[in-house]
N, C-alpha and C. Protein backbone atom coordinates (compact mmCIF):
# COMPACT_ATOMS: atom_id res chain seq x y z
N UNK A 1 27.32 62.62 -31.63
CA UNK A 1 27.34 62.47 -33.07
C UNK A 1 26.90 61.05 -33.45
N UNK A 2 26.06 60.97 -34.44
CA UNK A 2 25.56 59.68 -34.92
C UNK A 2 26.58 59.03 -35.83
N UNK A 3 26.74 57.73 -35.67
CA UNK A 3 27.63 56.96 -36.53
C UNK A 3 26.79 55.99 -37.36
N UNK A 4 27.01 56.00 -38.68
CA UNK A 4 26.41 54.99 -39.55
C UNK A 4 27.49 53.93 -39.74
N UNK A 5 27.16 52.70 -39.35
CA UNK A 5 28.16 51.63 -39.38
C UNK A 5 27.50 50.33 -39.80
N UNK A 6 28.32 49.33 -40.16
CA UNK A 6 27.74 48.03 -40.51
C UNK A 6 26.98 47.43 -39.32
N UNK A 7 25.85 46.86 -39.60
CA UNK A 7 25.06 46.13 -38.60
C UNK A 7 25.81 44.85 -38.28
N UNK A 8 25.80 44.42 -37.04
CA UNK A 8 26.49 43.19 -36.64
C UNK A 8 25.51 42.21 -36.00
N UNK A 9 25.94 40.98 -35.85
CA UNK A 9 25.11 39.98 -35.18
C UNK A 9 24.74 40.41 -33.77
N UNK A 10 25.67 41.04 -33.07
CA UNK A 10 25.40 41.50 -31.71
C UNK A 10 24.26 42.51 -31.66
N UNK A 11 24.08 43.28 -32.72
CA UNK A 11 23.01 44.27 -32.76
C UNK A 11 21.63 43.63 -32.67
N UNK A 12 21.53 42.36 -33.08
CA UNK A 12 20.24 41.67 -33.01
C UNK A 12 19.74 41.55 -31.58
N UNK A 13 20.61 41.70 -30.61
CA UNK A 13 20.23 41.60 -29.20
C UNK A 13 19.97 42.95 -28.56
N UNK A 14 20.15 44.02 -29.33
CA UNK A 14 20.00 45.37 -28.75
C UNK A 14 19.12 46.30 -29.57
N UNK A 15 18.45 45.79 -30.59
CA UNK A 15 17.68 46.70 -31.45
C UNK A 15 16.17 46.67 -31.21
N UNK A 16 15.75 46.10 -30.09
CA UNK A 16 14.32 46.05 -29.78
C UNK A 16 13.69 47.43 -29.67
N UNK A 17 14.43 48.42 -29.19
CA UNK A 17 13.88 49.77 -29.07
C UNK A 17 13.45 50.31 -30.44
N UNK A 18 14.07 49.83 -31.49
CA UNK A 18 13.73 50.25 -32.84
C UNK A 18 12.60 49.39 -33.40
N UNK A 19 12.64 48.11 -33.15
CA UNK A 19 11.70 47.17 -33.76
C UNK A 19 10.31 47.15 -33.13
N UNK A 20 10.12 47.77 -32.00
CA UNK A 20 8.83 47.70 -31.33
C UNK A 20 7.78 48.64 -31.92
N UNK A 21 8.15 49.44 -32.88
CA UNK A 21 7.22 50.34 -33.56
C UNK A 21 6.22 49.51 -34.37
N UNK A 22 4.91 49.81 -34.28
CA UNK A 22 3.92 49.00 -34.99
C UNK A 22 4.04 49.04 -36.52
N UNK A 23 4.67 50.06 -37.08
CA UNK A 23 4.84 50.12 -38.53
C UNK A 23 6.11 49.43 -39.02
N UNK A 24 6.92 48.95 -38.09
CA UNK A 24 8.15 48.25 -38.46
C UNK A 24 7.86 46.77 -38.66
N UNK A 25 8.22 46.28 -39.83
CA UNK A 25 8.09 44.84 -40.09
C UNK A 25 9.21 44.14 -39.32
N UNK A 26 8.86 43.13 -38.56
CA UNK A 26 9.87 42.37 -37.83
C UNK A 26 9.94 40.96 -38.41
N UNK A 27 11.09 40.37 -38.28
CA UNK A 27 11.36 39.07 -38.89
C UNK A 27 12.01 38.17 -37.85
N UNK A 28 12.11 36.89 -38.16
CA UNK A 28 12.80 35.96 -37.30
C UNK A 28 14.31 36.12 -37.44
N UNK A 29 15.05 35.67 -36.45
CA UNK A 29 16.52 35.79 -36.48
C UNK A 29 17.14 35.21 -37.74
N UNK A 30 16.68 34.06 -38.23
CA UNK A 30 17.30 33.52 -39.45
C UNK A 30 17.22 34.48 -40.65
N UNK A 31 16.14 35.24 -40.73
CA UNK A 31 15.98 36.19 -41.83
C UNK A 31 17.04 37.29 -41.75
N UNK A 32 17.22 37.87 -40.57
CA UNK A 32 18.25 38.90 -40.39
C UNK A 32 19.64 38.33 -40.66
N UNK A 33 19.89 37.13 -40.18
CA UNK A 33 21.20 36.50 -40.40
C UNK A 33 21.46 36.22 -41.88
N UNK A 34 20.41 35.87 -42.61
CA UNK A 34 20.55 35.65 -44.05
C UNK A 34 21.02 36.94 -44.73
N UNK A 35 20.43 38.06 -44.36
CA UNK A 35 20.84 39.34 -44.94
C UNK A 35 22.26 39.70 -44.55
N UNK A 36 22.60 39.45 -43.30
CA UNK A 36 23.98 39.73 -42.85
C UNK A 36 24.98 38.88 -43.62
N UNK A 37 24.63 37.64 -43.92
CA UNK A 37 25.55 36.75 -44.63
C UNK A 37 25.63 37.06 -46.12
N UNK A 38 24.49 37.37 -46.74
CA UNK A 38 24.47 37.55 -48.20
C UNK A 38 24.73 38.99 -48.66
N UNK A 39 24.23 39.96 -47.91
CA UNK A 39 24.34 41.36 -48.33
C UNK A 39 24.78 42.24 -47.15
N UNK A 40 25.92 41.95 -46.54
CA UNK A 40 26.32 42.71 -45.35
C UNK A 40 26.50 44.20 -45.61
N UNK A 41 26.91 44.56 -46.82
CA UNK A 41 27.12 45.98 -47.14
C UNK A 41 25.81 46.76 -47.14
N UNK A 42 24.69 46.06 -47.31
CA UNK A 42 23.37 46.69 -47.35
C UNK A 42 22.69 46.75 -45.97
N UNK A 43 23.34 46.27 -44.95
CA UNK A 43 22.74 46.23 -43.62
C UNK A 43 23.53 47.19 -42.73
N UNK A 44 22.95 48.37 -42.47
CA UNK A 44 23.63 49.43 -41.75
C UNK A 44 22.83 49.84 -40.51
N UNK A 45 23.55 50.27 -39.49
CA UNK A 45 22.92 50.75 -38.26
C UNK A 45 23.33 52.20 -38.01
N UNK A 46 22.41 52.96 -37.45
CA UNK A 46 22.72 54.30 -36.96
C UNK A 46 22.88 54.16 -35.45
N UNK A 47 24.04 54.55 -34.94
CA UNK A 47 24.35 54.36 -33.52
C UNK A 47 24.58 55.70 -32.84
N UNK A 48 24.01 55.84 -31.65
CA UNK A 48 24.18 57.06 -30.87
C UNK A 48 25.56 57.06 -30.20
N UNK A 49 26.00 58.21 -29.69
CA UNK A 49 27.29 58.26 -28.98
C UNK A 49 27.36 57.30 -27.78
N UNK A 50 26.20 56.99 -27.20
CA UNK A 50 26.18 56.07 -26.05
C UNK A 50 26.14 54.60 -26.48
N UNK A 51 26.09 54.35 -27.80
CA UNK A 51 26.09 52.98 -28.30
C UNK A 51 24.72 52.40 -28.56
N UNK A 52 23.67 53.19 -28.39
CA UNK A 52 22.31 52.71 -28.63
C UNK A 52 22.01 52.70 -30.13
N UNK A 53 21.30 51.67 -30.57
CA UNK A 53 20.87 51.61 -31.97
C UNK A 53 19.72 52.61 -32.12
N UNK A 54 19.90 53.57 -33.01
CA UNK A 54 18.90 54.61 -33.26
C UNK A 54 17.98 54.22 -34.41
N UNK A 55 18.50 53.40 -35.32
CA UNK A 55 17.75 52.97 -36.48
C UNK A 55 18.62 52.04 -37.31
N UNK A 56 18.01 51.46 -38.34
CA UNK A 56 18.79 50.60 -39.23
C UNK A 56 18.12 50.52 -40.59
N UNK A 57 18.90 50.08 -41.56
CA UNK A 57 18.40 49.79 -42.89
C UNK A 57 18.94 48.42 -43.30
N UNK A 58 18.07 47.66 -43.94
CA UNK A 58 18.44 46.32 -44.40
C UNK A 58 17.98 46.21 -45.85
N UNK A 59 18.86 45.76 -46.72
CA UNK A 59 18.50 45.65 -48.12
C UNK A 59 19.34 44.63 -48.84
N UNK A 60 19.21 44.66 -50.17
CA UNK A 60 19.95 43.71 -51.00
C UNK A 60 19.97 44.23 -52.43
N UNK A 61 20.78 43.57 -53.25
CA UNK A 61 20.80 43.82 -54.69
C UNK A 61 20.25 42.56 -55.35
N UNK A 62 19.38 42.77 -56.34
CA UNK A 62 18.73 41.62 -56.98
C UNK A 62 18.22 42.01 -58.36
N UNK A 63 17.83 41.00 -59.13
CA UNK A 63 17.19 41.22 -60.42
C UNK A 63 18.11 40.96 -61.60
N UNK A 64 17.52 40.54 -62.72
CA UNK A 64 18.31 40.28 -63.93
C UNK A 64 18.44 41.52 -64.82
N UNK A 65 19.53 41.62 -65.53
CA UNK A 65 19.76 42.62 -66.60
C UNK A 65 19.35 44.02 -66.17
N UNK A 66 18.46 44.66 -66.95
CA UNK A 66 18.10 46.04 -66.63
C UNK A 66 17.08 46.15 -65.49
N UNK A 67 16.80 45.03 -64.85
CA UNK A 67 16.00 45.03 -63.63
C UNK A 67 16.91 44.86 -62.40
N UNK A 68 18.23 44.92 -62.61
CA UNK A 68 19.20 44.84 -61.51
C UNK A 68 19.02 46.07 -60.64
N UNK A 69 18.72 45.85 -59.36
CA UNK A 69 18.39 47.00 -58.51
C UNK A 69 18.71 46.75 -57.04
N UNK A 70 18.81 47.84 -56.33
CA UNK A 70 18.90 47.78 -54.88
C UNK A 70 17.49 47.74 -54.32
N UNK A 71 17.31 46.96 -53.27
CA UNK A 71 15.99 46.84 -52.65
C UNK A 71 16.09 47.14 -51.16
N UNK A 72 15.21 48.00 -50.67
CA UNK A 72 15.13 48.30 -49.25
C UNK A 72 14.14 47.31 -48.63
N UNK A 73 14.64 46.40 -47.83
CA UNK A 73 13.79 45.42 -47.17
C UNK A 73 13.18 46.01 -45.91
N UNK A 74 13.97 46.78 -45.17
CA UNK A 74 13.47 47.40 -43.94
C UNK A 74 14.27 48.67 -43.67
N UNK A 75 13.56 49.70 -43.28
CA UNK A 75 14.15 50.95 -42.81
C UNK A 75 13.33 51.40 -41.62
N UNK A 76 13.98 51.60 -40.51
CA UNK A 76 13.24 52.07 -39.34
C UNK A 76 14.16 52.87 -38.43
N UNK A 77 13.56 53.84 -37.76
CA UNK A 77 14.26 54.69 -36.80
C UNK A 77 13.41 54.69 -35.53
N UNK A 78 14.07 54.55 -34.38
CA UNK A 78 13.35 54.55 -33.10
C UNK A 78 12.60 55.87 -32.95
N UNK A 79 11.39 55.82 -32.36
CA UNK A 79 10.56 57.03 -32.25
C UNK A 79 11.29 58.25 -31.66
N UNK A 80 12.14 58.03 -30.68
CA UNK A 80 12.81 59.16 -30.03
C UNK A 80 13.90 59.79 -30.89
N UNK A 81 14.25 59.15 -32.01
CA UNK A 81 15.29 59.68 -32.90
C UNK A 81 14.74 60.11 -34.26
N UNK A 82 13.43 60.14 -34.39
CA UNK A 82 12.84 60.55 -35.67
C UNK A 82 12.94 62.06 -35.86
N UNK A 83 12.81 62.46 -37.11
CA UNK A 83 12.85 63.88 -37.52
C UNK A 83 14.24 64.50 -37.34
N UNK A 84 15.26 63.63 -37.36
CA UNK A 84 16.65 64.10 -37.28
C UNK A 84 17.40 63.87 -38.59
N UNK A 85 16.72 63.32 -39.57
CA UNK A 85 17.36 63.04 -40.86
C UNK A 85 18.07 61.70 -40.94
N UNK A 86 17.88 60.85 -39.93
CA UNK A 86 18.57 59.55 -39.93
C UNK A 86 18.08 58.64 -41.06
N UNK A 87 16.77 58.63 -41.30
CA UNK A 87 16.25 57.77 -42.38
C UNK A 87 16.84 58.20 -43.72
N UNK A 88 16.94 59.50 -43.94
CA UNK A 88 17.52 60.00 -45.19
C UNK A 88 18.98 59.60 -45.31
N UNK A 89 19.72 59.65 -44.21
CA UNK A 89 21.14 59.24 -44.25
C UNK A 89 21.27 57.75 -44.54
N UNK A 90 20.43 56.95 -43.92
CA UNK A 90 20.47 55.51 -44.16
C UNK A 90 20.08 55.19 -45.61
N UNK A 91 19.08 55.87 -46.13
CA UNK A 91 18.67 55.67 -47.52
C UNK A 91 19.80 56.08 -48.47
N UNK A 92 20.44 57.19 -48.18
CA UNK A 92 21.55 57.66 -49.02
C UNK A 92 22.67 56.63 -49.05
N UNK A 93 22.95 56.02 -47.91
CA UNK A 93 23.98 54.98 -47.83
C UNK A 93 23.62 53.80 -48.72
N UNK A 94 22.37 53.35 -48.66
CA UNK A 94 21.95 52.22 -49.49
C UNK A 94 21.98 52.59 -50.98
N UNK A 95 21.59 53.82 -51.30
CA UNK A 95 21.64 54.27 -52.69
C UNK A 95 23.08 54.32 -53.20
N UNK A 96 24.00 54.79 -52.37
CA UNK A 96 25.42 54.83 -52.77
C UNK A 96 25.96 53.43 -53.05
N UNK A 97 25.62 52.48 -52.20
CA UNK A 97 26.06 51.09 -52.40
C UNK A 97 25.48 50.56 -53.71
N UNK A 98 24.22 50.86 -53.96
CA UNK A 98 23.56 50.41 -55.19
C UNK A 98 24.19 51.05 -56.43
N UNK A 99 24.60 52.30 -56.33
CA UNK A 99 25.30 52.96 -57.44
C UNK A 99 26.62 52.23 -57.74
N UNK A 100 27.35 51.89 -56.68
CA UNK A 100 28.63 51.20 -56.87
C UNK A 100 28.44 49.82 -57.50
N UNK A 101 27.30 49.21 -57.26
CA UNK A 101 27.00 47.90 -57.84
C UNK A 101 26.36 48.03 -59.22
N UNK A 102 26.31 49.25 -59.73
CA UNK A 102 25.75 49.54 -61.06
C UNK A 102 24.28 49.13 -61.19
N UNK A 103 23.53 49.34 -60.11
CA UNK A 103 22.10 49.07 -60.14
C UNK A 103 21.40 50.16 -60.96
N UNK A 104 20.27 49.80 -61.54
CA UNK A 104 19.48 50.73 -62.33
C UNK A 104 18.57 51.60 -61.46
N UNK A 105 18.12 51.04 -60.35
CA UNK A 105 17.20 51.78 -59.47
C UNK A 105 17.23 51.17 -58.08
N UNK A 106 16.58 51.86 -57.15
CA UNK A 106 16.33 51.33 -55.81
C UNK A 106 14.82 51.27 -55.66
N UNK A 107 14.33 50.18 -55.08
CA UNK A 107 12.89 50.08 -54.82
C UNK A 107 12.63 49.70 -53.38
N UNK A 108 11.38 49.88 -52.98
CA UNK A 108 10.94 49.56 -51.63
C UNK A 108 9.43 49.41 -51.65
N UNK A 109 8.90 48.77 -50.64
CA UNK A 109 7.46 48.65 -50.46
C UNK A 109 7.11 49.35 -49.16
N UNK A 110 6.00 50.09 -49.17
CA UNK A 110 5.57 50.82 -47.99
C UNK A 110 4.05 50.76 -47.92
N UNK A 111 3.54 50.66 -46.70
CA UNK A 111 2.09 50.63 -46.51
C UNK A 111 1.47 51.91 -47.07
N UNK A 112 0.38 51.75 -47.82
CA UNK A 112 -0.32 52.91 -48.38
C UNK A 112 -0.75 53.87 -47.26
N UNK A 113 -1.11 53.32 -46.10
CA UNK A 113 -1.57 54.14 -44.98
C UNK A 113 -0.45 54.90 -44.27
N UNK A 114 0.79 54.55 -44.53
CA UNK A 114 1.92 55.19 -43.84
C UNK A 114 2.31 56.47 -44.59
N UNK A 115 1.45 57.47 -44.47
CA UNK A 115 1.63 58.72 -45.21
C UNK A 115 2.94 59.42 -44.87
N UNK A 116 3.37 59.35 -43.63
CA UNK A 116 4.63 60.00 -43.24
C UNK A 116 5.79 59.40 -44.03
N UNK A 117 5.83 58.07 -44.11
CA UNK A 117 6.91 57.41 -44.85
C UNK A 117 6.78 57.68 -46.35
N UNK A 118 5.57 57.58 -46.90
CA UNK A 118 5.38 57.82 -48.33
C UNK A 118 5.85 59.22 -48.69
N UNK A 119 5.47 60.20 -47.87
CA UNK A 119 5.89 61.59 -48.14
C UNK A 119 7.40 61.75 -48.02
N UNK A 120 8.01 61.09 -47.04
CA UNK A 120 9.46 61.17 -46.90
C UNK A 120 10.15 60.60 -48.13
N UNK A 121 9.71 59.43 -48.58
CA UNK A 121 10.32 58.83 -49.77
C UNK A 121 10.16 59.72 -50.99
N UNK A 122 9.01 60.36 -51.12
CA UNK A 122 8.82 61.29 -52.24
C UNK A 122 9.81 62.45 -52.15
N UNK A 123 10.02 62.98 -50.95
CA UNK A 123 11.01 64.06 -50.76
C UNK A 123 12.41 63.59 -51.13
N UNK A 124 12.68 62.29 -50.97
CA UNK A 124 13.99 61.73 -51.31
C UNK A 124 14.10 61.37 -52.79
N UNK A 125 13.05 61.63 -53.56
CA UNK A 125 13.11 61.41 -55.00
C UNK A 125 12.46 60.14 -55.50
N UNK A 126 11.73 59.44 -54.65
CA UNK A 126 11.06 58.21 -55.06
C UNK A 126 9.69 58.52 -55.64
N UNK A 127 9.25 57.69 -56.57
CA UNK A 127 7.92 57.82 -57.16
C UNK A 127 7.14 56.54 -56.86
N UNK A 128 5.82 56.66 -56.89
CA UNK A 128 4.98 55.47 -56.76
C UNK A 128 4.98 54.79 -58.13
N UNK A 129 5.61 53.65 -58.19
CA UNK A 129 5.71 52.88 -59.44
C UNK A 129 4.42 52.09 -59.69
N UNK A 130 3.89 51.49 -58.62
CA UNK A 130 2.65 50.74 -58.73
C UNK A 130 2.10 50.45 -57.33
N UNK A 131 0.84 50.07 -57.30
CA UNK A 131 0.18 49.67 -56.06
C UNK A 131 0.11 48.14 -56.06
N UNK A 132 0.46 47.53 -54.94
CA UNK A 132 0.40 46.08 -54.79
C UNK A 132 -0.74 45.77 -53.82
N UNK A 133 -1.76 45.13 -54.34
CA UNK A 133 -2.97 44.85 -53.55
C UNK A 133 -2.70 43.81 -52.47
N UNK A 134 -3.17 44.09 -51.26
CA UNK A 134 -3.09 43.16 -50.13
C UNK A 134 -1.69 42.59 -49.92
N UNK A 135 -0.69 43.45 -50.04
CA UNK A 135 0.70 43.04 -49.87
C UNK A 135 1.01 42.69 -48.41
N UNK A 136 0.48 43.51 -47.50
CA UNK A 136 0.72 43.29 -46.07
C UNK A 136 -0.46 42.52 -45.49
N UNK A 137 -0.16 41.40 -44.84
CA UNK A 137 -1.24 40.61 -44.25
C UNK A 137 -1.40 40.99 -42.78
N UNK A 138 -2.62 40.80 -42.30
CA UNK A 138 -2.94 41.12 -40.91
C UNK A 138 -4.41 40.88 -40.68
N UNK A 139 -4.95 41.48 -39.62
CA UNK A 139 -6.38 41.37 -39.37
C UNK A 139 -7.15 41.85 -40.60
N UNK A 140 -6.65 42.94 -41.18
CA UNK A 140 -7.16 43.45 -42.45
C UNK A 140 -5.95 43.61 -43.36
N UNK A 141 -5.96 42.92 -44.49
CA UNK A 141 -4.82 43.04 -45.41
C UNK A 141 -4.73 44.47 -45.92
N UNK A 142 -3.50 44.91 -46.18
CA UNK A 142 -3.29 46.29 -46.60
C UNK A 142 -2.45 46.35 -47.86
N UNK A 143 -2.79 47.29 -48.72
CA UNK A 143 -2.04 47.50 -49.95
C UNK A 143 -0.70 48.18 -49.65
N UNK A 144 0.22 48.00 -50.58
CA UNK A 144 1.53 48.66 -50.50
C UNK A 144 1.75 49.47 -51.77
N UNK A 145 2.56 50.51 -51.63
CA UNK A 145 3.10 51.19 -52.79
C UNK A 145 4.47 50.60 -53.05
N UNK A 146 4.74 50.24 -54.29
CA UNK A 146 6.08 49.88 -54.74
C UNK A 146 6.66 51.20 -55.22
N UNK A 147 7.63 51.73 -54.50
CA UNK A 147 8.22 53.03 -54.83
C UNK A 147 9.62 52.81 -55.39
N UNK A 148 10.00 53.66 -56.34
CA UNK A 148 11.30 53.52 -57.00
C UNK A 148 11.98 54.86 -57.19
N UNK A 149 13.30 54.76 -57.24
CA UNK A 149 14.14 55.91 -57.58
C UNK A 149 15.18 55.43 -58.58
N UNK A 150 15.23 56.09 -59.73
CA UNK A 150 16.21 55.72 -60.75
C UNK A 150 17.61 56.14 -60.29
N UNK A 151 18.59 55.33 -60.63
CA UNK A 151 19.99 55.64 -60.35
C UNK A 151 20.69 56.02 -61.66
N UNK A 152 21.93 56.43 -61.58
CA UNK A 152 22.63 56.97 -62.76
C UNK A 152 22.80 55.95 -63.88
N UNK A 153 22.80 54.68 -63.55
CA UNK A 153 22.97 53.64 -64.58
C UNK A 153 21.74 53.55 -65.50
N UNK A 154 20.59 54.00 -65.02
CA UNK A 154 19.36 54.02 -65.82
C UNK A 154 19.27 55.37 -66.52
N UNK A 155 20.07 55.55 -67.54
CA UNK A 155 20.17 56.85 -68.21
C UNK A 155 18.86 57.28 -68.86
N UNK A 156 18.04 56.32 -69.27
CA UNK A 156 16.77 56.65 -69.91
C UNK A 156 15.60 56.69 -68.92
N UNK A 157 15.88 56.42 -67.66
CA UNK A 157 14.86 56.44 -66.58
C UNK A 157 13.68 55.50 -66.87
N UNK A 158 13.98 54.38 -67.52
CA UNK A 158 12.93 53.41 -67.83
C UNK A 158 12.36 52.76 -66.57
N UNK A 159 13.17 52.65 -65.53
CA UNK A 159 12.76 51.95 -64.31
C UNK A 159 11.68 52.68 -63.53
N UNK A 160 11.48 53.95 -63.84
CA UNK A 160 10.51 54.72 -63.05
C UNK A 160 9.29 55.15 -63.86
N UNK A 161 9.09 54.52 -65.02
CA UNK A 161 7.85 54.77 -65.75
C UNK A 161 6.75 54.03 -64.99
N UNK A 162 5.77 54.74 -64.42
CA UNK A 162 4.76 54.08 -63.58
C UNK A 162 4.01 52.97 -64.30
N UNK A 163 3.75 51.93 -63.55
CA UNK A 163 2.97 50.80 -64.04
C UNK A 163 1.53 51.27 -64.23
N UNK A 164 0.83 50.72 -65.19
CA UNK A 164 -0.50 51.24 -65.53
C UNK A 164 -1.65 50.59 -64.78
N UNK A 165 -1.38 49.57 -63.98
CA UNK A 165 -2.45 48.92 -63.24
C UNK A 165 -1.93 48.41 -61.90
N UNK A 166 -2.86 48.16 -61.00
CA UNK A 166 -2.50 47.56 -59.72
C UNK A 166 -2.14 46.10 -59.96
N UNK A 167 -1.28 45.56 -59.07
CA UNK A 167 -0.88 44.15 -59.18
C UNK A 167 -1.11 43.44 -57.86
N UNK A 168 -1.07 42.15 -57.92
CA UNK A 168 -1.19 41.31 -56.72
C UNK A 168 0.22 40.82 -56.36
N UNK A 169 0.46 40.45 -55.10
CA UNK A 169 1.80 40.01 -54.71
C UNK A 169 2.37 38.87 -55.57
N UNK A 170 1.53 37.96 -56.01
CA UNK A 170 2.02 36.83 -56.81
C UNK A 170 2.47 37.26 -58.21
N UNK A 171 2.15 38.48 -58.62
CA UNK A 171 2.58 38.98 -59.92
C UNK A 171 3.94 39.68 -59.86
N UNK A 172 4.47 39.88 -58.68
CA UNK A 172 5.75 40.58 -58.55
C UNK A 172 6.87 39.69 -59.06
N UNK A 173 7.82 40.31 -59.78
CA UNK A 173 8.95 39.53 -60.28
C UNK A 173 10.07 39.52 -59.27
């Protein structure tokens, strides 16, 4: 049975099986530690019965007034544990935390080319809010979709009215 539990500092030494996926954004240790210190409730791990990290989600709450929202910084599941519903469970956990914090919506950025992830987020109720040009840097810069899902606090669903034009990373609030 899979356990969804808080991510710990010790997990940073055992989650390479998850992070080695080419579509997973990886960060330096200080970045992960910053999230653990500031938003520990948003950093969750999926653990197998044998204690192996199967996947994790890392996020935060941010934004002023009616832009107060939960943000998914990273969601990844190890290849051998995909198609088991773990990503959906981790997303649900982050959405529940965001509801308790009275967030208006949850947002995330995903590579436009990552059709599997884009389709999964759509199945979970997310919409493409806008396209962010050259958001991901690399040999060839790649665009991202900024995807959003309104939460119950956004009674008028203003947070998910799609943006009318593409934006550049420096235009993001």
